[in-house]
Protein backbone atom coordinates (compact mmCIF):
# COMPACT_ATOMS: atom_id res chain seq x y z
CA MET A 1 0.00 0.00 0.00
CA LYS A 2 2.85 2.35 0.88
CA TYR A 3 4.46 1.74 -2.53
CA LEU A 4 1.15 2.31 -4.32
CA PHE A 5 0.78 5.70 -2.60
CA LEU A 6 4.39 6.65 -3.53
CA PHE A 7 3.77 5.60 -7.15
CA ALA A 8 0.59 7.74 -7.28
CA VAL A 9 2.47 10.81 -5.94
CA ILE A 10 5.26 10.37 -8.52
CA LEU A 11 2.71 9.90 -11.32
CA LEU A 12 0.83 13.07 -10.33
CA ALA A 13 4.05 15.08 -10.12
CA SER A 14 5.17 13.94 -13.57
CA CYS A 15 1.76 14.68 -15.12
CA SER A 16 1.57 18.21 -13.74
CA SER A 17 5.13 19.34 -14.53
CA GLY A 18 4.65 20.34 -18.18
CA GLY A 19 1.08 21.64 -18.34
CA ASP A 20 1.54 24.81 -16.33
CA LYS A 21 3.36 26.63 -19.15
CA LYS A 22 2.72 27.01 -22.85
CA VAL A 23 4.44 29.17 -25.49
CA LEU A 24 2.81 30.21 -28.77
CA VAL A 25 5.68 30.84 -31.20
CA GLU A 26 4.83 33.32 -33.98
CA SER A 27 7.45 33.19 -36.73
CA SER A 28 8.30 34.41 -40.22
CA GLY A 29 9.60 31.19 -41.70
CA ASP A 30 9.93 27.61 -40.50
CA VAL A 31 10.74 26.52 -36.97
CA ALA A 32 12.09 23.22 -35.71
CA ILE A 33 11.61 22.46 -32.03
CA GLN A 34 13.86 20.10 -30.12
CA GLY A 35 13.27 20.16 -26.37
CA ASN A 36 13.24 23.83 -25.36
CA THR A 37 15.27 24.94 -28.40
CA ILE A 38 13.55 26.62 -31.34
CA THR A 39 15.57 26.81 -34.56
CA LEU A 40 14.29 29.45 -36.99
CA THR A 41 14.81 29.22 -40.74
CA PRO A 42 13.71 32.70 -41.87
CA GLY A 43 11.20 33.02 -44.68
CA GLY A 44 8.22 35.00 -45.85
CA SER A 45 5.46 32.71 -44.61
CA HIS A 46 3.65 33.13 -41.30
CA LYS A 47 3.85 30.14 -38.97
CA GLU A 48 2.45 29.37 -35.52
CA THR A 49 3.81 26.62 -33.32
CA VAL A 50 2.95 25.70 -29.74
CA LEU A 51 5.73 24.65 -27.38
CA VAL A 52 5.18 23.19 -23.92
CA PRO A 53 8.50 24.01 -22.25
CA ASP A 54 10.21 21.78 -19.73
CA GLY A 55 12.00 24.21 -17.45
CA ASP A 56 12.25 27.96 -16.98
CA SER A 57 13.60 29.09 -20.36
CA VAL A 58 13.42 28.56 -24.10
CA VAL A 59 16.19 29.25 -26.60
CA VAL A 60 15.88 30.57 -30.16
CA VAL A 61 18.63 29.79 -32.65
CA SER A 62 18.47 32.01 -35.75
CA PRO A 63 20.82 33.76 -38.18
CA LYS A 64 20.86 36.59 -35.58
CA GLY A 65 22.49 34.22 -33.09
CA THR A 66 21.26 32.35 -30.03
CA GLN A 67 18.94 34.07 -27.59
CA GLY A 68 17.32 32.78 -24.40
CA PHE A 69 13.88 33.75 -23.08
CA SER A 70 12.61 33.30 -19.53
CA VAL A 71 9.39 31.36 -18.91
CA LYS A 72 9.69 31.06 -15.13
CA GLU A 73 6.09 31.91 -14.24
CA PRO A 74 3.26 29.48 -15.04
CA GLY A 75 0.99 30.63 -17.88
CA TYR A 76 0.57 31.13 -21.61
CA TYR A 77 3.32 33.10 -23.35
CA LEU A 78 3.58 34.61 -26.83
CA LEU A 79 7.06 34.55 -28.39
CA ASN A 80 7.45 36.85 -31.40
CA ILE A 81 10.22 35.77 -33.79
CA LYS A 82 8.61 37.54 -36.74
CA LYS A 83 10.08 40.55 -38.57
CA ASP A 84 7.26 42.84 -37.36
CA THR A 85 5.94 43.89 -33.96
CA LEU A 86 2.83 42.07 -32.77
CA VAL A 87 0.04 44.00 -31.07
CA GLY A 88 -3.07 42.57 -29.51
CA SER A 89 -5.53 42.50 -26.68
CA TYR A 90 -8.20 40.58 -24.82
CA GLN A 91 -11.39 40.19 -26.85
CA LYS A 92 -14.82 40.17 -25.30
CA THR A 93 -16.77 37.22 -26.71
CA GLY A 94 -20.23 35.83 -26.31
CA SER A 95 -22.29 39.00 -26.35
CA ASP A 96 -24.54 40.05 -29.20
CA ASN A 97 -22.99 43.12 -30.80
CA SER A 98 -25.09 42.94 -33.96
CA ARG A 99 -27.13 46.01 -33.03
CA THR A 100 -24.25 48.17 -31.84
CA VAL A 101 -24.12 51.50 -33.71
CA ILE A 102 -20.61 52.84 -34.26
CA THR A 103 -20.43 56.62 -34.31
CA GLU A 104 -17.79 58.84 -35.89
CA ALA A 105 -16.43 59.53 -32.40
CA ASP A 106 -16.11 55.75 -31.88
CA LEU A 107 -14.14 55.43 -35.15
CA ILE A 108 -11.81 58.29 -34.20
CA ASN A 109 -11.31 56.78 -30.73
CA ARG A 110 -10.51 53.37 -32.28
CA MET A 111 -8.00 54.97 -34.69
CA ASP A 112 -6.27 56.78 -31.83
CA SER A 113 -6.22 53.59 -29.77
CA LEU A 114 -4.72 51.57 -32.66
CA HIS A 115 -1.97 54.15 -33.24
CA ALA A 116 -1.17 54.22 -29.51
CA LEU A 117 -1.08 50.41 -29.38
CA MET A 118 1.30 50.31 -32.37
CA ALA A 119 3.57 52.79 -30.57
CA GLY A 120 3.26 50.84 -27.31
CA THR A 121 2.04 53.90 -25.41
CA ASN A 122 -1.29 52.55 -24.13
CA VAL A 123 -0.09 49.06 -23.21
CA SER A 124 -0.91 47.86 -19.72
CA GLU A 125 -1.36 44.57 -17.94
CA ALA A 126 -4.62 45.86 -16.42
CA ALA A 127 -6.05 46.64 -19.88
CA ARG A 128 -4.83 43.25 -21.16
CA ASN A 129 -3.27 44.70 -24.30
CA TYR A 130 0.22 44.01 -25.62
CA ASN A 131 2.95 45.33 -27.91
CA ILE A 132 5.57 42.63 -28.56
CA PRO A 133 8.58 43.66 -30.69
CA PRO A 134 10.50 41.11 -32.79
CA PHE A 135 12.49 38.63 -30.70
CA ASP A 136 10.60 39.34 -27.49
CA ILE A 137 8.29 37.27 -25.30
CA LYS A 138 5.36 38.23 -23.05
CA LEU A 139 3.30 36.33 -20.52
CA ILE A 140 -0.25 36.87 -21.82
CA THR A 141 -2.30 35.03 -19.19
CA LYS A 142 -1.96 32.56 -16.34
CA ASN A 143 -4.64 30.44 -18.10
CA THR A 144 -2.98 27.91 -20.43
CA ASP A 145 -6.45 26.99 -21.73
CA ALA A 146 -6.99 30.53 -23.08
CA GLN A 147 -7.09 31.02 -26.84
CA ILE A 148 -4.49 33.24 -28.51
CA ILE A 149 -5.30 34.00 -32.13
CA GLY A 150 -2.34 35.19 -34.14
CA PRO A 151 -1.96 37.44 -37.17
CA TYR A 152 -3.83 36.67 -40.39
CA LEU A 153 -6.33 34.45 -38.54
CA HIS A 154 -9.93 35.33 -37.67
CA ILE A 155 -11.71 34.99 -34.36
CA PRO A 156 -14.24 32.14 -34.65
CA GLY A 157 -17.76 33.32 -35.42
CA SER A 158 -19.27 31.57 -32.42
CA PHE A 159 -18.29 30.12 -29.09
CA ASP A 160 -20.03 27.66 -26.80
CA PRO A 161 -22.31 30.00 -24.78
CA SER A 162 -22.39 27.61 -21.81
CA LYS A 163 -18.82 28.41 -20.78
CA GLU A 164 -16.58 31.42 -20.39
CA HIS A 165 -13.88 32.06 -23.01
CA GLU A 166 -10.61 33.92 -22.60
CA VAL A 167 -9.56 35.05 -26.08
CA TYR A 168 -6.71 37.30 -27.21
CA LYS A 169 -6.29 38.51 -30.80
CA PHE A 170 -2.94 39.64 -32.20
CA PHE A 171 -2.00 41.47 -35.40
CA THR A 172 1.22 42.61 -37.02
CA ASN A 173 1.88 46.36 -37.01
CA LYS A 174 1.46 46.21 -40.80
CA GLU A 175 -2.08 44.80 -40.41
CA ILE A 176 -2.95 47.43 -37.78
CA ALA A 177 -1.63 50.24 -40.01
CA ALA A 178 -3.90 49.02 -42.84
CA THR A 179 -6.89 48.83 -40.45
CA ALA A 180 -6.19 52.36 -39.15
CA GLU A 181 -6.01 53.64 -42.73
CA ASN A 182 -9.39 52.04 -43.52
CA LEU A 183 -10.92 53.64 -40.40
CA LYS A 184 -9.49 57.00 -41.52
CA LYS A 185 -11.20 56.58 -44.91
CA MET A 186 -14.49 55.72 -43.18
CA VAL A 187 -14.29 58.89 -41.04
CA SER A 188 -13.39 60.99 -44.09
CA GLY A 189 -16.26 59.42 -46.07
CA LYS A 190 -18.75 60.20 -43.28
CA LYS A 191 -17.59 63.82 -43.17
CA GLU A 192 -17.95 64.17 -46.97
CA LYS A 193 -21.52 62.78 -46.84
CA GLU A 194 -22.43 65.24 -44.08
CA ASN A 195 -21.17 68.25 -46.11
């Protein structure tokens, strides 16, 4: 009986050691993962890879050299090894926004917010928004079951309404700049119609 209890404790310890951390690797080009080492072969294509690290750091090997990143705290990290800065934030899901009217003031506010996010001036842990430069890592949430949606991907149209969802959406600065330009055109178009 004593040995059975010891075996159960060892089994539980081994099962829980890897699941408390997760790293979403956003790259420009291919990555090969061996243990906690990520080898980047640069390219033009966007790739996403999930790594469950064993330990408190991950290492990226690239033409720029070898760089280590700390993952000491439990949680879900985003590692940006793309050529562009990634910006993103928590997304409210599950509510019906189909009847929400967006005013010109809302559009201007969104444009200002996007520009500030690109510059990294309105980033805060409390607001759950992020600006992650190339070859940087950020702890996004303590919840490894959260969903992080990277650049060029869309948020799913529906979620199971019976449970709560923690969703974060990220874009490249290039995508955000294009979105801000479209918002600017919408504001300009509204002003022209009013005159």
